[in-house]
Protein backbone atom coordinates (compact mmCIF):
# COMPACT_ATOMS: atom_id res chain seq x y z
CA UNK A 1 0.00 0.00 0.00
CA UNK A 2 1.50 3.33 -1.05
CA UNK A 3 2.52 5.80 1.62
CA UNK A 4 0.42 8.98 1.80
CA UNK A 5 2.49 11.94 3.05
CA UNK A 6 0.94 14.79 5.03
CA UNK A 7 2.05 17.11 2.23
CA UNK A 8 4.09 17.01 -0.96
CA UNK A 9 5.38 19.46 -3.55
CA UNK A 10 3.72 19.46 -6.96
CA UNK A 11 6.25 19.88 -9.79
CA UNK A 12 5.14 19.70 -13.42
CA UNK A 13 6.93 19.87 -16.77
CA UNK A 14 6.44 23.65 -17.00
CA UNK A 15 8.31 24.03 -13.68
CA UNK A 16 11.13 21.85 -14.94
CA UNK A 17 11.35 23.79 -18.19
CA UNK A 18 11.40 27.13 -16.33
CA UNK A 19 14.34 25.95 -14.23
CA UNK A 20 16.07 24.46 -17.27
CA UNK A 21 15.79 27.79 -19.10
CA UNK A 22 17.67 29.51 -16.27
CA UNK A 23 20.30 26.76 -16.22
CA UNK A 24 20.88 27.45 -19.91
CA UNK A 25 21.03 31.22 -19.37
CA UNK A 26 23.82 33.54 -18.26
CA UNK A 27 22.42 33.93 -14.73
CA UNK A 28 22.12 31.25 -12.06
CA UNK A 29 22.17 33.39 -8.93
CA UNK A 30 21.27 37.08 -9.26
CA UNK A 31 19.45 37.50 -12.56
CA UNK A 32 16.17 38.75 -14.06
CA UNK A 33 13.90 36.03 -12.65
CA UNK A 34 14.25 37.34 -9.08
CA UNK A 35 12.73 40.82 -9.66
CA UNK A 36 10.04 39.24 -11.83
CA UNK A 37 9.16 36.84 -9.02
CA UNK A 38 9.20 39.67 -6.48
CA UNK A 39 6.81 41.76 -8.58
CA UNK A 40 4.45 38.80 -8.99
CA UNK A 41 4.41 38.06 -5.25
CA UNK A 42 3.91 41.73 -4.37
CA UNK A 43 1.00 41.93 -6.80
CA UNK A 44 -0.58 38.75 -5.45
CA UNK A 45 -0.56 40.12 -1.90
CA UNK A 46 -1.47 43.71 -2.75
CA UNK A 47 1.72 45.38 -1.50
CA UNK A 48 4.26 47.65 -3.16
CA UNK A 49 7.38 45.64 -2.45
CA UNK A 50 8.47 42.01 -2.08
CA UNK A 51 12.02 41.14 -1.06
CA UNK A 52 12.79 37.51 -1.86
CA UNK A 53 15.04 35.62 0.56
CA UNK A 54 16.77 32.25 0.82
CA UNK A 55 14.17 31.05 3.33
CA UNK A 56 11.41 32.36 5.59
CA UNK A 57 13.65 32.18 8.66
CA UNK A 58 16.00 34.68 7.06
CA UNK A 59 13.01 36.81 6.11
CA UNK A 60 11.83 36.88 9.72
CA UNK A 61 15.33 37.76 10.91
CA UNK A 62 15.81 40.74 8.60
CA UNK A 63 12.21 41.86 9.20
CA UNK A 64 13.04 42.18 12.90
CA UNK A 65 16.27 44.01 12.11
CA UNK A 66 14.55 46.36 9.65
CA UNK A 67 12.12 47.36 12.40
CA UNK A 68 14.99 48.10 14.77
CA UNK A 69 14.73 45.09 17.07
CA UNK A 70 17.82 44.79 19.25
CA UNK A 71 19.24 44.41 22.73
CA UNK A 72 16.74 45.25 25.45
CA UNK A 73 13.71 44.99 23.16
CA UNK A 74 10.81 42.62 23.59
CA UNK A 75 9.00 40.69 20.83
CA UNK A 76 5.76 38.74 21.28
CA UNK A 77 4.57 35.90 19.07
CA UNK A 78 2.31 32.84 19.16
CA UNK A 79 3.38 29.66 20.95
CA UNK A 80 1.76 27.58 18.19
CA UNK A 81 4.19 27.95 15.32
CA UNK A 82 7.55 26.63 14.23
CA UNK A 83 10.39 27.85 16.43
CA UNK A 84 11.62 30.28 13.75
CA UNK A 85 8.76 32.64 14.64
CA UNK A 86 10.39 33.24 18.02
CA UNK A 87 14.04 32.58 17.23
CA UNK A 88 14.19 35.54 14.85
CA UNK A 89 13.92 37.97 17.77
CA UNK A 90 16.61 36.16 19.75
CA UNK A 91 18.95 36.45 16.77
CA UNK A 92 18.69 40.23 17.23
CA UNK A 93 19.47 40.12 20.93
CA UNK A 94 15.87 40.79 21.99
CA UNK A 95 13.72 38.91 24.49
CA UNK A 96 10.73 36.80 23.46
CA UNK A 97 7.35 36.27 25.07
CA UNK A 98 4.17 34.66 23.83
CA UNK A 99 0.46 35.44 23.56
CA UNK A 100 -1.87 32.47 24.01
CA UNK A 101 -4.02 31.26 21.13
CA UNK A 102 -7.73 31.40 20.45
CA UNK A 103 -8.94 27.77 20.77
CA UNK A 104 -11.25 28.22 17.77
CA UNK A 105 -8.90 29.78 15.22
CA UNK A 106 -5.63 28.49 16.77
CA UNK A 107 -4.20 31.93 16.00
CA UNK A 108 -3.14 34.60 18.46
CA UNK A 109 -6.06 35.41 20.76
CA UNK A 110 -7.18 39.05 20.54
CA UNK A 111 -8.58 38.87 24.08
CA UNK A 112 -5.32 37.45 25.45
CA UNK A 113 -3.35 40.06 23.51
CA UNK A 114 -5.43 42.95 24.83
CA UNK A 115 -5.09 41.75 28.42
CA UNK A 116 -1.33 41.23 28.03
CA UNK A 117 -0.86 44.66 26.44
CA UNK A 118 -2.79 46.30 29.30
CA UNK A 119 -0.53 44.64 31.86
CA UNK A 120 2.62 45.44 29.89
CA UNK A 121 1.62 49.10 29.49
CA UNK A 122 1.08 49.40 33.24
CA UNK A 123 4.51 47.89 33.84
CA UNK A 124 6.21 49.98 31.14
CA UNK A 125 7.30 46.83 29.30
CA UNK A 126 5.52 46.83 25.96
CA UNK A 127 6.89 44.82 23.02
CA UNK A 128 8.59 46.59 20.15
CA UNK A 129 7.25 44.09 17.62
CA UNK A 130 4.36 41.67 17.54
CA UNK A 131 4.53 38.55 15.33
CA UNK A 132 1.07 37.02 14.87
CA UNK A 133 1.10 33.73 12.93
CA UNK A 134 -1.44 32.74 10.26
CA UNK A 135 -1.53 29.15 11.45
CA UNK A 136 -2.36 26.54 8.79
CA UNK A 137 -3.07 29.34 6.29
CA UNK A 138 -5.97 30.98 8.18
CA UNK A 139 -5.29 34.73 8.51
CA UNK A 140 -5.23 36.16 12.02
CA UNK A 141 -7.70 38.76 13.33
CA UNK A 142 -5.43 41.37 11.83
CA UNK A 143 -7.79 44.35 12.00
CA UNK A 144 -8.20 43.99 15.75
CA UNK A 145 -4.50 43.18 16.25
CA UNK A 146 -3.49 46.20 14.15
CA UNK A 147 -5.76 48.49 16.19
CA UNK A 148 -4.29 47.28 19.49
CA UNK A 149 -0.73 47.59 18.20
CA UNK A 150 -1.31 51.11 16.84
CA UNK A 151 -2.63 52.30 20.20
CA UNK A 152 0.75 51.55 21.73
CA UNK A 153 3.18 52.12 18.85
CA UNK A 154 3.92 48.42 18.33
CA UNK A 155 5.09 47.28 14.89
CA UNK A 156 3.71 44.08 13.33
CA UNK A 157 5.45 41.32 11.41
CA UNK A 158 2.73 38.98 10.13
CA UNK A 159 4.15 35.47 9.90
CA UNK A 160 2.16 34.47 6.81
CA UNK A 161 4.46 31.55 5.97
CA UNK A 162 1.39 29.29 5.69
CA UNK A 163 -0.81 31.88 3.98
CA UNK A 164 0.40 32.44 0.40
CA UNK A 165 -2.74 33.36 -1.51
CA UNK A 166 -4.98 33.53 1.58
CA UNK A 167 -7.47 36.38 1.95
CA UNK A 168 -8.72 38.48 4.86
CA UNK A 169 -11.79 40.73 4.60
CA UNK A 170 -11.76 40.72 0.80
CA UNK A 171 -8.05 41.59 0.60
CA UNK A 172 -4.87 39.52 0.35
CA UNK A 173 -3.28 38.32 3.58
CA UNK A 174 -0.37 40.44 4.79
CA UNK A 175 -1.59 43.90 3.83
CA UNK A 176 -2.22 45.15 7.40
CA UNK A 177 1.25 44.34 8.72
CA UNK A 178 4.33 46.56 8.60
CA UNK A 179 6.08 43.54 7.13
CA UNK A 180 4.58 40.16 6.22
CA UNK A 181 6.72 37.06 5.72
CA UNK A 182 6.02 34.22 3.28
CA UNK A 183 7.58 30.78 2.92
CA UNK A 184 8.23 28.83 -0.29
CA UNK A 185 9.40 25.59 1.35
CA UNK A 186 8.50 22.44 -0.66
CA UNK A 187 5.39 21.64 1.42
CA UNK A 188 4.02 25.19 1.17
CA UNK A 189 1.41 26.48 -1.29
CA UNK A 190 4.07 27.70 -3.76
CA UNK A 191 7.62 26.35 -3.67
CA UNK A 192 11.00 27.61 -4.78
CA UNK A 193 12.72 24.58 -3.22
CA UNK A 194 13.69 26.70 -0.25
CA UNK A 195 12.82 30.36 -0.07
CA UNK A 196 10.89 33.15 1.55
CA UNK A 197 9.95 36.78 1.12
CA UNK A 198 9.27 39.95 3.08
CA UNK A 199 6.27 41.98 1.93
CA UNK A 200 5.79 45.66 2.69
CA UNK A 201 4.31 48.82 1.21
CA UNK A 202 6.85 51.00 3.02
CA UNK A 203 9.63 52.01 0.60
CA UNK A 204 12.14 52.73 3.39
CA UNK A 205 11.57 49.32 4.98
CA UNK A 206 11.88 47.65 1.57
CA UNK A 207 15.24 49.32 0.94
CA UNK A 208 16.48 48.30 4.39
CA UNK A 209 15.33 44.71 3.87
CA UNK A 210 17.06 44.52 0.49
CA UNK A 211 20.28 45.79 2.04
CA UNK A 212 20.16 43.38 4.98
CA UNK A 213 19.56 40.30 2.80
CA UNK A 214 22.75 40.97 0.81
CA UNK A 215 25.60 41.54 3.29
CA UNK A 216 24.66 45.18 3.91
CA UNK A 217 26.40 45.95 0.62
CA UNK A 218 25.09 48.54 -1.83
CA UNK A 219 25.93 49.79 -5.31
CA UNK A 220 23.46 52.68 -5.04
CA UNK A 221 25.35 55.96 -4.81
CA UNK A 222 22.58 57.57 -2.76
CA UNK A 223 23.31 55.11 0.06
CA UNK A 224 27.10 55.45 -0.06
CA UNK A 225 29.26 57.51 2.25
CA UNK A 226 31.81 58.35 -0.46
CA UNK A 227 31.70 59.24 -4.11
CA UNK A 228 31.80 56.12 -6.31
CA UNK A 229 35.29 55.53 -7.67
CA UNK A 230 33.96 53.86 -10.81
CA UNK A 231 31.25 51.55 -12.10
CA UNK A 232 32.71 48.69 -10.05
CA UNK A 233 32.39 50.53 -6.75
CA UNK A 234 30.32 49.20 -3.83
CA UNK A 235 30.19 49.89 -0.11
CA UNK A 236 29.20 47.85 2.91
CA UNK A 237 27.08 50.33 4.86
CA UNK A 238 25.55 47.90 7.37
CA UNK A 239 26.07 44.42 8.79
CA UNK A 240 23.89 42.23 6.60
CA UNK A 241 23.58 38.58 5.70
CA UNK A 242 23.57 36.33 2.66
CA UNK A 243 19.85 35.65 2.53
CA UNK A 244 19.49 35.93 -1.24
CA UNK A 245 17.26 33.76 -3.40
CA UNK A 246 18.73 32.45 -6.68
CA UNK A 247 17.42 32.93 -10.20
CA UNK A 248 16.95 29.16 -10.41
CA UNK A 249 14.61 29.25 -7.42
CA UNK A 250 12.81 32.37 -8.60
CA UNK A 251 12.10 30.77 -11.97
CA UNK A 252 10.53 27.79 -10.22
CA UNK A 253 8.45 30.13 -8.07
CA UNK A 254 7.23 32.11 -11.08
CA UNK A 255 6.14 28.92 -12.80
CA UNK A 256 4.40 27.69 -9.65
CA UNK A 257 2.48 30.95 -9.32
CA UNK A 258 0.77 30.35 -12.67
CA UNK A 259 -0.97 27.33 -11.09
CA UNK A 260 -1.80 28.93 -7.75
CA UNK A 261 -5.56 29.49 -8.33
CA UNK A 262 -6.38 25.87 -9.27
CA UNK A 263 -4.00 24.54 -6.60
CA UNK A 264 -5.70 26.72 -3.98
CA UNK A 265 -9.14 25.59 -5.20
CA UNK A 266 -8.08 21.94 -4.98
CA UNK A 267 -6.83 22.40 -1.41
CA UNK A 268 -10.13 24.04 -0.49
CA UNK A 269 -12.14 21.23 -2.11
CA UNK A 270 -10.19 18.57 -0.19
CA UNK A 271 -10.57 20.52 3.06
CA UNK A 272 -14.34 20.81 2.52
CA UNK A 273 -14.50 17.09 1.81
CA UNK A 274 -12.74 16.42 5.13
CA UNK A 275 -15.18 18.81 6.82
CA UNK A 276 -18.15 16.84 5.52
CA UNK A 277 -16.86 13.33 6.10
CA UNK A 278 -15.28 13.87 9.51
CA UNK A 279 -18.32 15.61 10.97
CA UNK A 280 -19.78 13.48 13.76
CA UNK A 281 -16.46 11.91 14.74
CA UNK A 282 -14.97 12.78 18.16
CA UNK A 283 -12.78 15.47 16.61
CA UNK A 284 -12.48 19.24 16.65
CA UNK A 285 -12.21 20.39 13.04
CA UNK A 286 -10.62 23.54 11.58
CA UNK A 287 -12.90 26.57 11.69
CA UNK A 288 -14.27 28.34 8.63
CA UNK A 289 -14.89 32.08 8.99
CA UNK A 290 -17.00 34.20 6.67
CA UNK A 291 -14.54 37.11 6.56
CA UNK A 292 -11.43 35.20 5.47
CA UNK A 293 -10.23 32.42 3.16
CA UNK A 294 -7.58 30.01 4.35
CA UNK A 295 -4.92 28.80 1.96
CA UNK A 296 -5.25 25.37 3.68
CA UNK A 297 -1.55 24.74 4.02
CA UNK A 298 -2.45 22.29 6.79
CA UNK A 299 -5.59 20.43 7.82
CA UNK A 300 -5.34 19.91 11.58
CA UNK A 301 -7.88 18.05 13.71
CA UNK A 302 -7.89 17.67 17.49
CA UNK A 303 -8.98 14.42 19.14
CA UNK A 304 -11.43 14.90 21.98
CA UNK A 305 -10.42 14.53 25.63
CA UNK A 306 -10.28 10.92 26.72
CA UNK A 307 -8.96 9.68 23.37
CA UNK A 308 -5.27 8.87 23.06
CA UNK A 309 -3.74 11.10 20.41
CA UNK A 310 -0.69 8.82 20.41
CA UNK A 311 -2.78 5.72 19.68
CA UNK A 312 -4.59 7.46 16.81
CA UNK A 313 -1.33 8.81 15.41
CA UNK A 314 0.35 5.40 15.63
CA UNK A 315 -2.60 3.66 13.95
CA UNK A 316 -2.49 6.06 11.00
CA UNK A 317 1.27 5.76 10.68
CA UNK A 318 1.01 1.95 10.81
CA UNK A 319 -1.39 2.21 7.87
CA UNK A 320 1.23 4.14 5.85
CA UNK A 321 -0.53 7.46 6.34
CA UNK A 322 2.01 10.19 7.07
CA UNK A 323 0.16 12.23 9.66
CA UNK A 324 2.18 14.79 11.58
CA UNK A 325 1.80 17.18 14.51
CA UNK A 326 2.00 20.96 14.05
CA UNK A 327 3.29 22.18 16.46
CA UNK A 328 4.80 21.47 19.86
CA UNK A 329 4.28 24.80 21.68
CA UNK A 330 7.48 26.80 21.36
CA UNK A 331 7.60 27.68 25.06
CA UNK A 332 7.78 23.97 25.95
CA UNK A 333 10.94 23.39 23.93
CA UNK A 334 14.00 22.74 26.16
CA UNK A 335 15.77 25.88 24.97
CA UNK A 336 12.79 28.06 25.88
CA UNK A 337 12.29 26.22 29.17
CA UNK A 338 15.83 27.30 30.04
CA UNK A 339 14.72 30.88 29.38
CA UNK A 340 12.12 30.51 32.13
CA UNK A 341 8.96 29.32 30.38
CA UNK A 342 7.00 26.50 32.02
CA UNK A 343 4.08 24.17 31.34
CA UNK A 344 0.86 25.97 32.17
CA UNK A 345 2.06 29.36 30.91
CA UNK A 346 -0.19 29.25 27.83
CA UNK A 347 -3.02 26.81 28.58
CA UNK A 348 -4.96 27.17 25.32
CA UNK A 349 -1.86 26.38 23.26
CA UNK A 350 -1.08 23.39 25.46
CA UNK A 351 -4.65 22.08 25.27
CA UNK A 352 -4.54 22.35 21.48
CA UNK A 353 -1.25 20.47 21.32
CA UNK A 354 -2.53 17.55 23.42
CA UNK A 355 -5.02 16.60 20.72
CA UNK A 356 -3.58 17.93 17.45
CA UNK A 357 -2.98 15.72 14.42
CA UNK A 358 -2.23 17.03 10.92
CA UNK A 359 -3.97 14.97 8.25
CA UNK A 360 -2.62 14.64 4.68
CA UNK A 361 -3.65 17.44 2.33
CA UNK A 362 -1.93 18.40 -0.93
CA UNK A 363 -3.23 19.24 -4.42
CA UNK A 364 -2.26 15.92 -6.02
CA UNK A 365 -4.05 13.95 -3.31
CA UNK A 366 -6.79 11.74 -4.77
CA UNK A 367 -10.23 11.21 -3.28
CA UNK A 368 -9.38 7.52 -2.90
CA UNK A 369 -6.35 8.47 -0.82
CA UNK A 370 -8.46 10.84 1.25
CA UNK A 371 -11.11 8.16 1.77
CA UNK A 372 -8.40 5.84 3.04
CA UNK A 373 -7.24 8.46 5.54
CA UNK A 374 -10.82 8.98 6.73
CA UNK A 375 -11.49 5.25 7.06
CA UNK A 376 -8.37 4.53 9.08
CA UNK A 377 -8.90 7.62 11.24
CA UNK A 378 -12.50 6.64 12.01
CA UNK A 379 -11.39 3.14 12.93
CA UNK A 380 -8.63 4.41 15.20
CA UNK A 381 -11.01 6.76 16.99
CA UNK A 382 -13.46 3.93 17.73
CA UNK A 383 -10.83 1.43 18.82
C-alpha cells in the first residue's frame, strides 16, 4: 500500500522547463527572474514591495532588524508555530514572550493580547514588535491586532508563511502588517525549493530589507558615504547577511504561481471534503470564517479529551498514512524552558497540542487516498 504523506510538492513539466531555461542562461544566482518573481508576489498580496530571501527564517530575521529590534527589546509571538517565529527575535538580541491562542482559530487570541498589552503598558514593558502567525493558512484577526498595536506604537510582522494566496476581509493576507513574511518551502502552497519573502508597502523598509539580505552591501550611490570611484564601486554600509534567493529558485516560483488558483481551489475542495466526512467523529475540526479564506496549508484536527492522540497517530502511521503534529508549543521546547517558560504558561496552546494531528492534504491527493485516511482515522477513533 502506497505511503500517503501529510504534504508534498507538486512539480510539473512547466516548472522543470522554467528551471532548465535559467540553467541554460547567463544567470544562475542574481538575474532577471528574481525581480520578476518579487513583482508577482507583491501583486498577489497587494503590496508595493516584495524582497525575496533564501528562506522564511532569514526573512523573519531581517524583518526584525529592519524594524529596529535589538538588545533590550521585547518581541511577542504565538506559541503555536515553528520555532523560527520566536528565534528571529533572539537572533537580534531581543527577548521573546508569547500570547496564548484562540482555541477556535488556533491563531493569536485578541482577548489574550489585549489583556497582556494592558498589563505590559502598566509595567512599562511593551513589546517593540508583535509577530502574529497565520496558522495553517488561516489569517489572524489582523484588523483587531493592528488596532491594538497602533494604540501603543507596536510594529507588526505577520508570519504568513502558511498563507500564500490567503485572503482576509476581501483583501490579500499580509496587507495590514508593517512587514509580512512568506515561505516557499516544498510543502508550502508555492515552492522555490527553499525560499521566503518579506512583503511591505513601506519604501524605506523595503530598501532596508534589500540591504540586509545581501551583506549590507550597496551599489546605489545615494546610500554610499563616499563618491563612487567607478562603475565597479560598492560599499558595505551595514552588517547584513547572505539571505538571497537564486534565479533558479525564482524561476521555479514564477512557474508555480501560474498554477496557484487551481491549486488553492483543490486544497479548499479537499478541506471541505474532510469537513463533511469527519463531521460526527470525536474530533475538533478547523474553523471556517466568513470574513477570510484560508490557503489550507495544513488540515489539523484535534482528538477529543479521553482519546489517546498517540494511539490514533500510531494507527495512522502503521497504515502508511504520514500524519504529523504541528506544532509542539514553542515555550515547551528545552531551549525556551531554560529561558524561564514553564508548562501551564499558555493553557490554550497546550490544550490544542494535546489533541492535534495534521492529516494529509496536498493538491495531487486523490479522493481515494483521502477516503483511506478517513477510514483509518474513524477506525482508530473507535478502537
